[in-house]
Amino acid sequence: QHAAKRGMSVQDYVVRTLIREDFDERFQSSLDETEKLGVRWPVT
């Protein structure tokens, strides 16, 4: 159902979901590492 809403196959939907989750984890990790350096986002 989720794949059909996006006009995708189940395989493509699952792969894209996994890729997005992996990106989110890597992005959050980089934000955490940046915070350890004393930089906060957004920079004002």
PDB file of all heavy atoms in Angstrom:
ATOM      1  N   GLN A   1       0.827  -1.210   0.000  1.00  0.00           N
ATOM      2  CA  GLN A   1       0.000   0.000   0.000  1.00  0.00           C
ATOM      3  C   GLN A   1       0.862   1.262   0.000  1.00  0.00           C
ATOM      4  O   GLN A   1       0.601   2.202  -0.757  1.00  0.00           O
ATOM      5  CB  GLN A   1      -0.935  -0.006   1.197  1.00  0.00           C
ATOM      6  CG  GLN A   1      -2.028  -1.046   1.097  1.00  0.00           C
ATOM      7  CD  GLN A   1      -2.844  -1.172   2.368  1.00  0.00           C
ATOM      8  OE1 GLN A   1      -2.661  -0.420   3.322  1.00  0.00           O
ATOM      9  NE2 GLN A   1      -3.750  -2.140   2.380  1.00  0.00           N
ATOM     10  N   HIS A   2       1.889   1.281   0.841  1.00  0.00           N
ATOM     11  CA  HIS A   2       2.784   2.444   0.886  1.00  0.00           C
ATOM     12  C   HIS A   2       3.488   2.632  -0.453  1.00  0.00           C
ATOM     13  O   HIS A   2       3.618   3.753  -0.945  1.00  0.00           O
ATOM     14  CB  HIS A   2       3.825   2.293   2.002  1.00  0.00           C
ATOM     15  CG  HIS A   2       3.269   2.463   3.373  1.00  0.00           C
ATOM     16  ND1 HIS A   2       2.755   3.650   3.837  1.00  0.00           N
ATOM     17  CD2 HIS A   2       3.159   1.585   4.388  1.00  0.00           C
ATOM     18  CE1 HIS A   2       2.345   3.502   5.082  1.00  0.00           C
ATOM     19  NE2 HIS A   2       2.573   2.252   5.437  1.00  0.00           N
ATOM     20  N   ALA A   3       3.964   1.539  -1.037  1.00  0.00           N
ATOM     21  CA  ALA A   3       4.651   1.606  -2.322  1.00  0.00           C
ATOM     22  C   ALA A   3       3.700   2.086  -3.416  1.00  0.00           C
ATOM     23  O   ALA A   3       4.066   2.932  -4.238  1.00  0.00           O
ATOM     24  CB  ALA A   3       5.242   0.236  -2.668  1.00  0.00           C
ATOM     25  N   ALA A   4       2.488   1.564  -3.428  1.00  0.00           N
ATOM     26  CA  ALA A   4       1.507   1.937  -4.450  1.00  0.00           C
ATOM     27  C   ALA A   4       1.181   3.423  -4.387  1.00  0.00           C
ATOM     28  O   ALA A   4       1.035   4.080  -5.430  1.00  0.00           O
ATOM     29  CB  ALA A   4       0.240   1.108  -4.288  1.00  0.00           C
ATOM     30  N   LYS A   5       1.081   3.984  -3.187  1.00  0.00           N
ATOM     31  CA  LYS A   5       0.803   5.420  -3.051  1.00  0.00           C
ATOM     32  C   LYS A   5       1.876   6.260  -3.726  1.00  0.00           C
ATOM     33  O   LYS A   5       1.617   7.374  -4.161  1.00  0.00           O
ATOM     34  CB  LYS A   5       0.738   5.807  -1.569  1.00  0.00           C
ATOM     35  CG  LYS A   5      -0.507   5.347  -0.864  1.00  0.00           C
ATOM     36  CD  LYS A   5      -0.464   5.762   0.590  1.00  0.00           C
ATOM     37  CE  LYS A   5      -1.601   5.164   1.368  1.00  0.00           C
ATOM     38  NZ  LYS A   5      -1.506   5.481   2.811  1.00  0.00           N
ATOM     39  N   ARG A   6       3.083   5.719  -3.788  1.00  0.00           N
ATOM     40  CA  ARG A   6       4.208   6.442  -4.378  1.00  0.00           C
ATOM     41  C   ARG A   6       4.524   5.978  -5.799  1.00  0.00           C
ATOM     42  O   ARG A   6       5.496   6.409  -6.395  1.00  0.00           O
ATOM     43  CB  ARG A   6       5.434   6.268  -3.492  1.00  0.00           C
ATOM     44  CG  ARG A   6       5.265   6.990  -2.158  1.00  0.00           C
ATOM     45  CD  ARG A   6       6.166   6.407  -1.085  1.00  0.00           C
ATOM     46  NE  ARG A   6       5.974   7.076   0.196  1.00  0.00           N
ATOM     47  CZ  ARG A   6       5.015   6.805   1.059  1.00  0.00           C
ATOM     48  NH1 ARG A   6       4.132   5.878   0.795  1.00  0.00           N
ATOM     49  NH2 ARG A   6       4.921   7.459   2.193  1.00  0.00           N
ATOM     50  N   GLY A   7       3.695   5.059  -6.312  1.00  0.00           N
ATOM     51  CA  GLY A   7       3.907   4.552  -7.663  1.00  0.00           C
ATOM     52  C   GLY A   7       5.187   3.736  -7.785  1.00  0.00           C
ATOM     53  O   GLY A   7       5.854   3.779  -8.816  1.00  0.00           O
ATOM     54  N   MET A   8       5.521   3.012  -6.739  1.00  0.00           N
ATOM     55  CA  MET A   8       6.762   2.255  -6.699  1.00  0.00           C
ATOM     56  C   MET A   8       6.473   0.780  -6.491  1.00  0.00           C
ATOM     57  O   MET A   8       5.403   0.414  -6.028  1.00  0.00           O
ATOM     58  CB  MET A   8       7.642   2.737  -5.525  1.00  0.00           C
ATOM     59  CG  MET A   8       7.958   4.201  -5.526  1.00  0.00           C
ATOM     60  SD  MET A   8       8.688   4.749  -3.971  1.00  0.00           S
ATOM     61  CE  MET A   8      10.317   4.068  -4.149  1.00  0.00           C
ATOM     62  N   SER A   9       7.474  -0.040  -6.800  1.00  0.00           N
ATOM     63  CA  SER A   9       7.385  -1.454  -6.445  1.00  0.00           C
ATOM     64  C   SER A   9       7.716  -1.583  -4.961  1.00  0.00           C
ATOM     65  O   SER A   9       8.327  -0.682  -4.366  1.00  0.00           O
ATOM     66  CB  SER A   9       8.377  -2.270  -7.271  1.00  0.00           C
ATOM     67  OG  SER A   9       9.709  -1.962  -6.883  1.00  0.00           O
ATOM     68  N   VAL A  10       7.339  -2.704  -4.379  1.00  0.00           N
ATOM     69  CA  VAL A  10       7.675  -2.943  -2.972  1.00  0.00           C
ATOM     70  C   VAL A  10       9.193  -2.948  -2.799  1.00  0.00           C
ATOM     71  O   VAL A  10       9.719  -2.363  -1.851  1.00  0.00           O
ATOM     72  CB  VAL A  10       7.054  -4.273  -2.467  1.00  0.00           C
ATOM     73  CG1 VAL A  10       7.553  -4.616  -1.077  1.00  0.00           C
ATOM     74  CG2 VAL A  10       5.538  -4.180  -2.480  1.00  0.00           C
ATOM     75  N   GLN A  11       9.904  -3.552  -3.725  1.00  0.00           N
ATOM     76  CA  GLN A  11      11.365  -3.601  -3.635  1.00  0.00           C
ATOM     77  C   GLN A  11      11.951  -2.191  -3.624  1.00  0.00           C
ATOM     78  O   GLN A  11      12.780  -1.864  -2.777  1.00  0.00           O
ATOM     79  CB  GLN A  11      11.935  -4.381  -4.816  1.00  0.00           C
ATOM     80  CG  GLN A  11      13.461  -4.404  -4.821  1.00  0.00           C
ATOM     81  CD  GLN A  11      14.022  -5.210  -5.977  1.00  0.00           C
ATOM     82  OE1 GLN A  11      13.394  -6.167  -6.414  1.00  0.00           O
ATOM     83  NE2 GLN A  11      15.164  -4.817  -6.467  1.00  0.00           N
ATOM     84  N   ASP A  12      11.528  -1.342  -4.564  1.00  0.00           N
ATOM     85  CA  ASP A  12      12.045   0.025  -4.612  1.00  0.00           C
ATOM     86  C   ASP A  12      11.689   0.798  -3.348  1.00  0.00           C
ATOM     87  O   ASP A  12      12.503   1.564  -2.824  1.00  0.00           O
ATOM     88  CB  ASP A  12      11.508   0.765  -5.832  1.00  0.00           C
ATOM     89  CG  ASP A  12      12.119   0.270  -7.132  1.00  0.00           C
ATOM     90  OD1 ASP A  12      13.177  -0.406  -7.082  1.00  0.00           O
ATOM     91  OD2 ASP A  12      11.531   0.549  -8.194  1.00  0.00           O
ATOM     92  N   TYR A  13      10.463   0.614  -2.868  1.00  0.00           N
ATOM     93  CA  TYR A  13      10.037   1.308  -1.651  1.00  0.00           C
ATOM     94  C   TYR A  13      10.906   0.914  -0.453  1.00  0.00           C
ATOM     95  O   TYR A  13      11.372   1.765   0.290  1.00  0.00           O
ATOM     96  CB  TYR A  13       8.563   1.006  -1.355  1.00  0.00           C
ATOM     97  CG  TYR A  13       8.094   1.611  -0.061  1.00  0.00           C
ATOM     98  CD1 TYR A  13       7.814   2.969   0.033  1.00  0.00           C
ATOM     99  CD2 TYR A  13       7.946   0.822   1.076  1.00  0.00           C
ATOM    100  CE1 TYR A  13       7.403   3.531   1.229  1.00  0.00           C
ATOM    101  CE2 TYR A  13       7.536   1.384   2.273  1.00  0.00           C
ATOM    102  CZ  TYR A  13       7.267   2.732   2.350  1.00  0.00           C
ATOM    103  OH  TYR A  13       6.864   3.282   3.542  1.00  0.00           O
ATOM    104  N   VAL A  14      11.154  -0.376  -0.287  1.00  0.00           N
ATOM    105  CA  VAL A  14      11.956  -0.856   0.835  1.00  0.00           C
ATOM    106  C   VAL A  14      13.392  -0.347   0.719  1.00  0.00           C
ATOM    107  O   VAL A  14      13.973   0.140   1.692  1.00  0.00           O
ATOM    108  CB  VAL A  14      11.906  -2.396   0.937  1.00  0.00           C
ATOM    109  CG1 VAL A  14      12.927  -2.912   1.942  1.00  0.00           C
ATOM    110  CG2 VAL A  14      10.504  -2.852   1.321  1.00  0.00           C
ATOM    111  N   VAL A  15      13.966  -0.419  -0.477  1.00  0.00           N
ATOM    112  CA  VAL A  15      15.342   0.051  -0.671  1.00  0.00           C
ATOM    113  C   VAL A  15      15.442   1.545  -0.375  1.00  0.00           C
ATOM    114  O   VAL A  15      16.355   1.989   0.329  1.00  0.00           O
ATOM    115  CB  VAL A  15      15.838  -0.273  -2.098  1.00  0.00           C
ATOM    116  CG1 VAL A  15      17.142   0.446  -2.401  1.00  0.00           C
ATOM    117  CG2 VAL A  15      16.017  -1.775  -2.248  1.00  0.00           C
ATOM    118  N   ARG A  16      14.525   2.339  -0.888  1.00  0.00           N
ATOM    119  CA  ARG A  16      14.566   3.786  -0.621  1.00  0.00           C
ATOM    120  C   ARG A  16      14.388   4.083   0.860  1.00  0.00           C
ATOM    121  O   ARG A  16      15.014   4.999   1.391  1.00  0.00           O
ATOM    122  CB  ARG A  16      13.506   4.522  -1.439  1.00  0.00           C
ATOM    123  CG  ARG A  16      13.890   4.648  -2.878  1.00  0.00           C
ATOM    124  CD  ARG A  16      12.832   5.448  -3.632  1.00  0.00           C
ATOM    125  NE  ARG A  16      13.191   5.529  -5.019  1.00  0.00           N
ATOM    126  CZ  ARG A  16      13.561   6.662  -5.611  1.00  0.00           C
ATOM    127  NH1 ARG A  16      13.607   7.773  -4.934  1.00  0.00           N
ATOM    128  NH2 ARG A  16      13.867   6.651  -6.889  1.00  0.00           N
ATOM    129  N   THR A  17      13.545   3.327   1.528  1.00  0.00           N
ATOM    130  CA  THR A  17      13.355   3.518   2.973  1.00  0.00           C
ATOM    131  C   THR A  17      14.645   3.225   3.723  1.00  0.00           C
ATOM    132  O   THR A  17      15.040   3.968   4.625  1.00  0.00           O
ATOM    133  CB  THR A  17      12.207   2.628   3.485  1.00  0.00           C
ATOM    134  OG1 THR A  17      11.007   2.974   2.775  1.00  0.00           O
ATOM    135  CG2 THR A  17      11.983   2.815   4.968  1.00  0.00           C
ATOM    136  N   LEU A  18      15.314   2.151   3.355  1.00  0.00           N
ATOM    137  CA  LEU A  18      16.582   1.813   3.996  1.00  0.00           C
ATOM    138  C   LEU A  18      17.651   2.871   3.719  1.00  0.00           C
ATOM    139  O   LEU A  18      18.414   3.245   4.614  1.00  0.00           O
ATOM    140  CB  LEU A  18      17.062   0.439   3.532  1.00  0.00           C
ATOM    141  CG  LEU A  18      16.218  -0.740   4.001  1.00  0.00           C
ATOM    142  CD1 LEU A  18      16.666  -2.012   3.286  1.00  0.00           C
ATOM    143  CD2 LEU A  18      16.299  -0.899   5.505  1.00  0.00           C
ATOM    144  N   ILE A  19      17.713   3.365   2.484  1.00  0.00           N
ATOM    145  CA  ILE A  19      18.679   4.408   2.144  1.00  0.00           C
ATOM    146  C   ILE A  19      18.403   5.666   2.954  1.00  0.00           C
ATOM    147  O   ILE A  19      19.321   6.287   3.496  1.00  0.00           O
ATOM    148  CB  ILE A  19      18.642   4.703   0.628  1.00  0.00           C
ATOM    149  CG1 ILE A  19      19.221   3.528  -0.145  1.00  0.00           C
ATOM    150  CG2 ILE A  19      19.383   5.997   0.300  1.00  0.00           C
ATOM    151  CD1 ILE A  19      18.997   3.608  -1.650  1.00  0.00           C
ATOM    152  N   ARG A  20      17.141   6.059   3.054  1.00  0.00           N
ATOM    153  CA  ARG A  20      16.771   7.262   3.811  1.00  0.00           C
ATOM    154  C   ARG A  20      17.145   7.101   5.280  1.00  0.00           C
ATOM    155  O   ARG A  20      17.703   7.997   5.899  1.00  0.00           O
ATOM    156  CB  ARG A  20      15.278   7.548   3.659  1.00  0.00           C
ATOM    157  CG  ARG A  20      14.847   8.844   4.342  1.00  0.00           C
ATOM    158  CD  ARG A  20      13.368   9.133   4.156  1.00  0.00           C
ATOM    159  NE  ARG A  20      12.559   8.112   4.763  1.00  0.00           N
ATOM    160  CZ  ARG A  20      11.666   7.366   4.133  1.00  0.00           C
ATOM    161  NH1 ARG A  20      11.455   7.521   2.856  1.00  0.00           N
ATOM    162  NH2 ARG A  20      10.972   6.454   4.778  1.00  0.00           N
ATOM    163  N   GLU A  21      16.857   5.935   5.853  1.00  0.00           N
ATOM    164  CA  GLU A  21      17.181   5.675   7.258  1.00  0.00           C
ATOM    165  C   GLU A  21      18.685   5.742   7.483  1.00  0.00           C
ATOM    166  O   GLU A  21      19.155   6.320   8.452  1.00  0.00           O
ATOM    167  CB  GLU A  21      16.640   4.311   7.685  1.00  0.00           C
ATOM    168  CG  GLU A  21      16.901   3.960   9.127  1.00  0.00           C
ATOM    169  CD  GLU A  21      16.130   4.823  10.113  1.00  0.00           C
ATOM    170  OE1 GLU A  21      15.091   5.388   9.749  1.00  0.00           O
ATOM    171  OE2 GLU A  21      16.600   4.933  11.269  1.00  0.00           O
ATOM    172  N   ASP A  22      19.451   5.171   6.558  1.00  0.00           N
ATOM    173  CA  ASP A  22      20.910   5.209   6.665  1.00  0.00           C
ATOM    174  C   ASP A  22      21.409   6.646   6.607  1.00  0.00           C
ATOM    175  O   ASP A  22      22.270   7.058   7.380  1.00  0.00           O
ATOM    176  CB  ASP A  22      21.543   4.378   5.545  1.00  0.00           C
ATOM    177  CG  ASP A  22      23.061   4.378   5.608  1.00  0.00           C
ATOM    178  OD1 ASP A  22      23.616   3.966   6.649  1.00  0.00           O
ATOM    179  OD2 ASP A  22      23.691   4.806   4.625  1.00  0.00           O
ATOM    180  N   PHE A  23      20.854   7.460   5.688  1.00  0.00           N
ATOM    181  CA  PHE A  23      21.251   8.863   5.585  1.00  0.00           C
ATOM    182  C   PHE A  23      20.920   9.598   6.880  1.00  0.00           C
ATOM    183  O   PHE A  23      21.749  10.354   7.399  1.00  0.00           O
ATOM    184  CB  PHE A  23      20.559   9.549   4.404  1.00  0.00           C
ATOM    185  CG  PHE A  23      20.784  11.038   4.401  1.00  0.00           C
ATOM    186  CD1 PHE A  23      21.965  11.553   3.898  1.00  0.00           C
ATOM    187  CD2 PHE A  23      19.836  11.896   4.920  1.00  0.00           C
ATOM    188  CE1 PHE A  23      22.194  12.930   3.911  1.00  0.00           C
ATOM    189  CE2 PHE A  23      20.058  13.263   4.942  1.00  0.00           C
ATOM    190  CZ  PHE A  23      21.233  13.784   4.439  1.00  0.00           C
ATOM    191  N   ASP A  24      19.716   9.395   7.401  1.00  0.00           N
ATOM    192  CA  ASP A  24      19.310  10.069   8.631  1.00  0.00           C
ATOM    193  C   ASP A  24      20.255   9.745   9.780  1.00  0.00           C
ATOM    194  O   ASP A  24      20.629  10.628  10.553  1.00  0.00           O
ATOM    195  CB  ASP A  24      17.883   9.687   9.021  1.00  0.00           C
ATOM    196  CG  ASP A  24      16.826  10.250   8.077  1.00  0.00           C
ATOM    197  OD1 ASP A  24      17.171  11.137   7.254  1.00  0.00           O
ATOM    198  OD2 ASP A  24      15.673   9.798   8.154  1.00  0.00           O
ATOM    199  N   GLU A  25      20.661   8.486   9.892  1.00  0.00           N
ATOM    200  CA  GLU A  25      21.582   8.084  10.961  1.00  0.00           C
ATOM    201  C   GLU A  25      22.942   8.744  10.780  1.00  0.00           C
ATOM    202  O   GLU A  25      23.528   9.246  11.738  1.00  0.00           O
ATOM    203  CB  GLU A  25      21.751   6.564  10.982  1.00  0.00           C
ATOM    204  CG  GLU A  25      20.571   5.832  11.542  1.00  0.00           C
ATOM    205  CD  GLU A  25      20.773   4.326  11.540  1.00  0.00           C
ATOM    206  OE1 GLU A  25      21.918   3.868  11.427  1.00  0.00           O
ATOM    207  OE2 GLU A  25      19.758   3.608  11.644  1.00  0.00           O
ATOM    208  N   ARG A  26      23.462   8.756   9.544  1.00  0.00           N
ATOM    209  CA  ARG A  26      24.763   9.373   9.291  1.00  0.00           C
ATOM    210  C   ARG A  26      24.706  10.876   9.521  1.00  0.00           C
ATOM    211  O   ARG A  26      25.620  11.469  10.081  1.00  0.00           O
ATOM    212  CB  ARG A  26      25.246   9.062   7.879  1.00  0.00           C
ATOM    213  CG  ARG A  26      25.661   7.601   7.717  1.00  0.00           C
ATOM    214  CD  ARG A  26      26.222   7.287   6.342  1.00  0.00           C
ATOM    215  NE  ARG A  26      25.146   7.349   5.347  1.00  0.00           N
ATOM    216  CZ  ARG A  26      25.213   8.060   4.224  1.00  0.00           C
ATOM    217  NH1 ARG A  26      26.268   8.743   3.926  1.00  0.00           N
ATOM    218  NH2 ARG A  26      24.202   8.059   3.389  1.00  0.00           N
ATOM    219  N   PHE A  27      23.604  11.519   9.114  1.00  0.00           N
ATOM    220  CA  PHE A  27      23.452  12.952   9.305  1.00  0.00           C
ATOM    221  C   PHE A  27      23.400  13.290  10.791  1.00  0.00           C
ATOM    222  O   PHE A  27      24.074  14.209  11.255  1.00  0.00           O
ATOM    223  CB  PHE A  27      22.183  13.443   8.589  1.00  0.00           C
ATOM    224  CG  PHE A  27      21.990  14.927   8.675  1.00  0.00           C
ATOM    225  CD1 PHE A  27      22.804  15.775   7.947  1.00  0.00           C
ATOM    226  CD2 PHE A  27      21.000  15.463   9.474  1.00  0.00           C
ATOM    227  CE1 PHE A  27      22.630  17.151   8.014  1.00  0.00           C
ATOM    228  CE2 PHE A  27      20.816  16.840   9.553  1.00  0.00           C
ATOM    229  CZ  PHE A  27      21.628  17.686   8.816  1.00  0.00           C
ATOM    230  N   GLN A  28      22.607  12.530  11.553  1.00  0.00           N
ATOM    231  CA  GLN A  28      22.514  12.776  12.993  1.00  0.00           C
ATOM    232  C   GLN A  28      23.860  12.566  13.665  1.00  0.00           C
ATOM    233  O   GLN A  28      24.253  13.327  14.540  1.00  0.00           O
ATOM    234  CB  GLN A  28      21.458  11.872  13.641  1.00  0.00           C
ATOM    235  CG  GLN A  28      21.216  12.192  15.111  1.00  0.00           C
ATOM    236  CD  GLN A  28      20.758  13.618  15.337  1.00  0.00           C
ATOM    237  OE1 GLN A  28      19.811  14.076  14.709  1.00  0.00           O
ATOM    238  NE2 GLN A  28      21.419  14.336  16.220  1.00  0.00           N
ATOM    239  N   SER A  29      24.593  11.554  13.243  1.00  0.00           N
ATOM    240  CA  SER A  29      25.915  11.297  13.797  1.00  0.00           C
ATOM    241  C   SER A  29      26.852  12.473  13.537  1.00  0.00           C
ATOM    242  O   SER A  29      27.613  12.884  14.421  1.00  0.00           O
ATOM    243  CB  SER A  29      26.487  10.021  13.193  1.00  0.00           C
ATOM    244  OG  SER A  29      27.790   9.797  13.656  1.00  0.00           O
ATOM    245  N   SER A  30      26.778  13.037  12.328  1.00  0.00           N
ATOM    246  CA  SER A  30      27.644  14.186  12.024  1.00  0.00           C
ATOM    247  C   SER A  30      27.243  15.409  12.840  1.00  0.00           C
ATOM    248  O   SER A  30      28.104  16.171  13.281  1.00  0.00           O
ATOM    249  CB  SER A  30      27.631  14.501  10.532  1.00  0.00           C
ATOM    250  OG  SER A  30      26.374  14.959  10.120  1.00  0.00           O
ATOM    251  N   LEU A  31      25.944  15.592  13.084  1.00  0.00           N
ATOM    252  CA  LEU A  31      25.511  16.694  13.942  1.00  0.00           C
ATOM    253  C   LEU A  31      26.013  16.501  15.366  1.00  0.00           C
ATOM    254  O   LEU A  31      26.474  17.461  16.011  1.00  0.00           O
ATOM    255  CB  LEU A  31      23.983  16.814  13.943  1.00  0.00           C
ATOM    256  CG  LEU A  31      23.334  17.323  12.671  1.00  0.00           C
ATOM    257  CD1 LEU A  31      21.812  17.325  12.830  1.00  0.00           C
ATOM    258  CD2 LEU A  31      23.835  18.702  12.316  1.00  0.00           C
ATOM    259  N   ASP A  32      25.939  15.277  15.864  1.00  0.00           N
ATOM    260  CA  ASP A  32      26.435  14.983  17.208  1.00  0.00           C
ATOM    261  C   ASP A  32      27.924  15.270  17.327  1.00  0.00           C
ATOM    262  O   ASP A  32      28.383  15.856  18.309  1.00  0.00           O
ATOM    263  CB  ASP A  32      26.151  13.526  17.589  1.00  0.00           C
ATOM    264  CG  ASP A  32      24.664  13.222  17.717  1.00  0.00           C
ATOM    265  OD1 ASP A  32      23.856  14.177  17.813  1.00  0.00           O
ATOM    266  OD2 ASP A  32      24.317  12.023  17.705  1.00  0.00           O
ATOM    267  N   GLU A  33      28.680  14.860  16.311  1.00  0.00           N
ATOM    268  CA  GLU A  33      30.130  15.113  16.323  1.00  0.00           C
ATOM    269  C   GLU A  33      30.427  16.607  16.257  1.00  0.00           C
ATOM    270  O   GLU A  33      31.340  17.096  16.916  1.00  0.00           O
ATOM    271  CB  GLU A  33      30.811  14.385  15.158  1.00  0.00           C
ATOM    272  CG  GLU A  33      30.823  12.878  15.313  1.00  0.00           C
ATOM    273  CD  GLU A  33      31.567  12.419  16.552  1.00  0.00           C
ATOM    274  OE1 GLU A  33      32.670  12.935  16.827  1.00  0.00           O
ATOM    275  OE2 GLU A  33      31.027  11.549  17.264  1.00  0.00           O
ATOM    276  N   THR A  34      29.638  17.340  15.467  1.00  0.00           N
ATOM    277  CA  THR A  34      29.824  18.787  15.371  1.00  0.00           C
ATOM    278  C   THR A  34      29.527  19.449  16.705  1.00  0.00           C
ATOM    279  O   THR A  34      30.240  20.362  17.126  1.00  0.00           O
ATOM    280  CB  THR A  34      28.911  19.371  14.266  1.00  0.00           C
ATOM    281  OG1 THR A  34      29.227  18.724  13.038  1.00  0.00           O
ATOM    282  CG2 THR A  34      29.107  20.860  14.113  1.00  0.00           C
ATOM    283  N   GLU A  35      28.475  18.988  17.385  1.00  0.00           N
ATOM    284  CA  GLU A  35      28.139  19.526  18.699  1.00  0.00           C
ATOM    285  C   GLU A  35      29.265  19.319  19.698  1.00  0.00           C
ATOM    286  O   GLU A  35      29.517  20.161  20.541  1.00  0.00           O
ATOM    287  CB  GLU A  35      26.849  18.892  19.218  1.00  0.00           C
ATOM    288  CG  GLU A  35      25.695  19.842  19.186  1.00  0.00           C
ATOM    289  CD  GLU A  35      24.447  19.237  19.792  1.00  0.00           C
ATOM    290  OE1 GLU A  35      24.522  18.546  20.823  1.00  0.00           O
ATOM    291  OE2 GLU A  35      23.392  19.474  19.201  1.00  0.00           O
ATOM    292  N   LYS A  36      29.943  18.182  19.594  1.00  0.00           N
ATOM    293  CA  LYS A  36      31.072  17.908  20.489  1.00  0.00           C
ATOM    294  C   LYS A  36      32.176  18.943  20.313  1.00  0.00           C
ATOM    295  O   LYS A  36      32.944  19.199  21.237  1.00  0.00           O
ATOM    296  CB  LYS A  36      31.638  16.510  20.244  1.00  0.00           C
ATOM    297  CG  LYS A  36      30.752  15.398  20.727  1.00  0.00           C
ATOM    298  CD  LYS A  36      31.379  14.054  20.420  1.00  0.00           C
ATOM    299  CE  LYS A  36      30.467  12.913  20.787  1.00  0.00           C
ATOM    300  NZ  LYS A  36      31.049  11.608  20.426  1.00  0.00           N
ATOM    301  N   LEU A  37      32.235  19.528  19.129  1.00  0.00           N
ATOM    302  CA  LEU A  37      33.233  20.579  18.855  1.00  0.00           C
ATOM    303  C   LEU A  37      32.772  21.934  19.360  1.00  0.00           C
ATOM    304  O   LEU A  37      33.491  22.913  19.241  1.00  0.00           O
ATOM    305  CB  LEU A  37      33.528  20.649  17.357  1.00  0.00           C
ATOM    306  CG  LEU A  37      34.148  19.405  16.733  1.00  0.00           C
ATOM    307  CD1 LEU A  37      34.221  19.566  15.211  1.00  0.00           C
ATOM    308  CD2 LEU A  37      35.523  19.148  17.306  1.00  0.00           C
ATOM    309  N   GLY A  38      31.563  22.009  19.903  1.00  0.00           N
ATOM    310  CA  GLY A  38      31.042  23.244  20.445  1.00  0.00           C
ATOM    311  C   GLY A  38      30.244  24.077  19.472  1.00  0.00           C
ATOM    312  O   GLY A  38      29.874  25.204  19.764  1.00  0.00           O
ATOM    313  N   VAL A  39      29.946  23.540  18.318  1.00  0.00           N
ATOM    314  CA  VAL A  39      29.157  24.265  17.311  1.00  0.00           C
ATOM    315  C   VAL A  39      27.707  23.820  17.437  1.00  0.00           C
ATOM    316  O   VAL A  39      27.409  22.638  17.478  1.00  0.00           O
ATOM    317  CB  VAL A  39      29.676  23.972  15.889  1.00  0.00           C
ATOM    318  CG1 VAL A  39      28.816  24.685  14.852  1.00  0.00           C
ATOM    319  CG2 VAL A  39      31.134  24.362  15.763  1.00  0.00           C
ATOM    320  N   ARG A  40      26.809  24.762  17.522  1.00  0.00           N
ATOM    321  CA  ARG A  40      25.363  24.463  17.621  1.00  0.00           C
ATOM    322  C   ARG A  40      24.666  24.931  16.361  1.00  0.00           C
ATOM    323  O   ARG A  40      25.035  25.944  15.780  1.00  0.00           O
ATOM    324  CB  ARG A  40      24.748  25.170  18.823  1.00  0.00           C
ATOM    325  CG  ARG A  40      25.430  24.817  20.126  1.00  0.00           C
ATOM    326  CD  ARG A  40      24.496  23.985  20.949  1.00  0.00           C
ATOM    327  NE  ARG A  40      25.108  23.746  22.240  1.00  0.00           N
ATOM    328  CZ  ARG A  40      25.262  22.553  22.757  1.00  0.00           C
ATOM    329  NH1 ARG A  40      24.840  21.509  22.098  1.00  0.00           N
ATOM    330  NH2 ARG A  40      25.825  22.377  23.911  1.00  0.00           N
ATOM    331  N   TRP A  41      23.661  24.195  15.927  1.00  0.00           N
ATOM    332  CA  TRP A  41      22.898  24.559  14.728  1.00  0.00           C
ATOM    333  C   TRP A  41      21.509  24.976  15.134  1.00  0.00           C
ATOM    334  O   TRP A  41      20.931  24.379  16.031  1.00  0.00           O
ATOM    335  CB  TRP A  41      22.834  23.380  13.767  1.00  0.00           C
ATOM    336  CG  TRP A  41      24.182  22.993  13.272  1.00  0.00           C
ATOM    337  CD1 TRP A  41      24.924  21.964  13.732  1.00  0.00           C
ATOM    338  CD2 TRP A  41      24.973  23.629  12.279  1.00  0.00           C
ATOM    339  NE1 TRP A  41      26.127  21.905  13.091  1.00  0.00           N
ATOM    340  CE2 TRP A  41      26.186  22.924  12.191  1.00  0.00           C
ATOM    341  CE3 TRP A  41      24.781  24.736  11.463  1.00  0.00           C
ATOM    342  CZ2 TRP A  41      27.181  23.281  11.314  1.00  0.00           C
ATOM    343  CZ3 TRP A  41      25.781  25.080  10.589  1.00  0.00           C
ATOM    344  CH2 TRP A  41      26.964  24.356  10.519  1.00  0.00           C
ATOM    345  N   PRO A  42      20.901  25.945  14.545  1.00  0.00           N
ATOM    346  CA  PRO A  42      21.493  26.789  13.507  1.00  0.00           C
ATOM    347  C   PRO A  42      22.446  27.799  14.117  1.00  0.00           C
ATOM    348  O   PRO A  42      22.263  28.247  15.249  1.00  0.00           O
ATOM    349  CB  PRO A  42      20.287  27.479  12.872  1.00  0.00           C
ATOM    350  CG  PRO A  42      19.272  27.537  13.957  1.00  0.00           C
ATOM    351  CD  PRO A  42      19.508  26.294  14.799  1.00  0.00           C
ATOM    352  N   VAL A  43      23.459  28.167  13.363  1.00  0.00           N
ATOM    353  CA  VAL A  43      24.427  29.155  13.804  1.00  0.00           C
ATOM    354  C   VAL A  43      23.787  30.520  13.659  1.00  0.00           C
ATOM    355  O   VAL A  43      23.297  30.866  12.616  1.00  0.00           O
ATOM    356  CB  VAL A  43      25.731  29.078  12.977  1.00  0.00           C
ATOM    357  CG1 VAL A  43      26.692  30.157  13.398  1.00  0.00           C
ATOM    358  CG2 VAL A  43      26.345  27.686  13.099  1.00  0.00           C
ATOM    359  N   THR A  44      23.791  31.283  14.749  1.00  0.00           N
ATOM    360  CA  THR A  44      23.174  32.617  14.687  1.00  0.00           C
ATOM    361  C   THR A  44      24.185  33.701  14.923  1.00  0.00           C
ATOM    362  O   THR A  44      25.237  33.498  15.424  1.00  0.00           O
ATOM    363  CB  THR A  44      22.070  32.760  15.757  1.00  0.00           C
ATOM    364  OG1 THR A  44      22.618  32.460  17.033  1.00  0.00           O
ATOM    365  CG2 THR A  44      20.910  31.855  15.440  1.00  0.00           C
TER     366      THR A  44
END
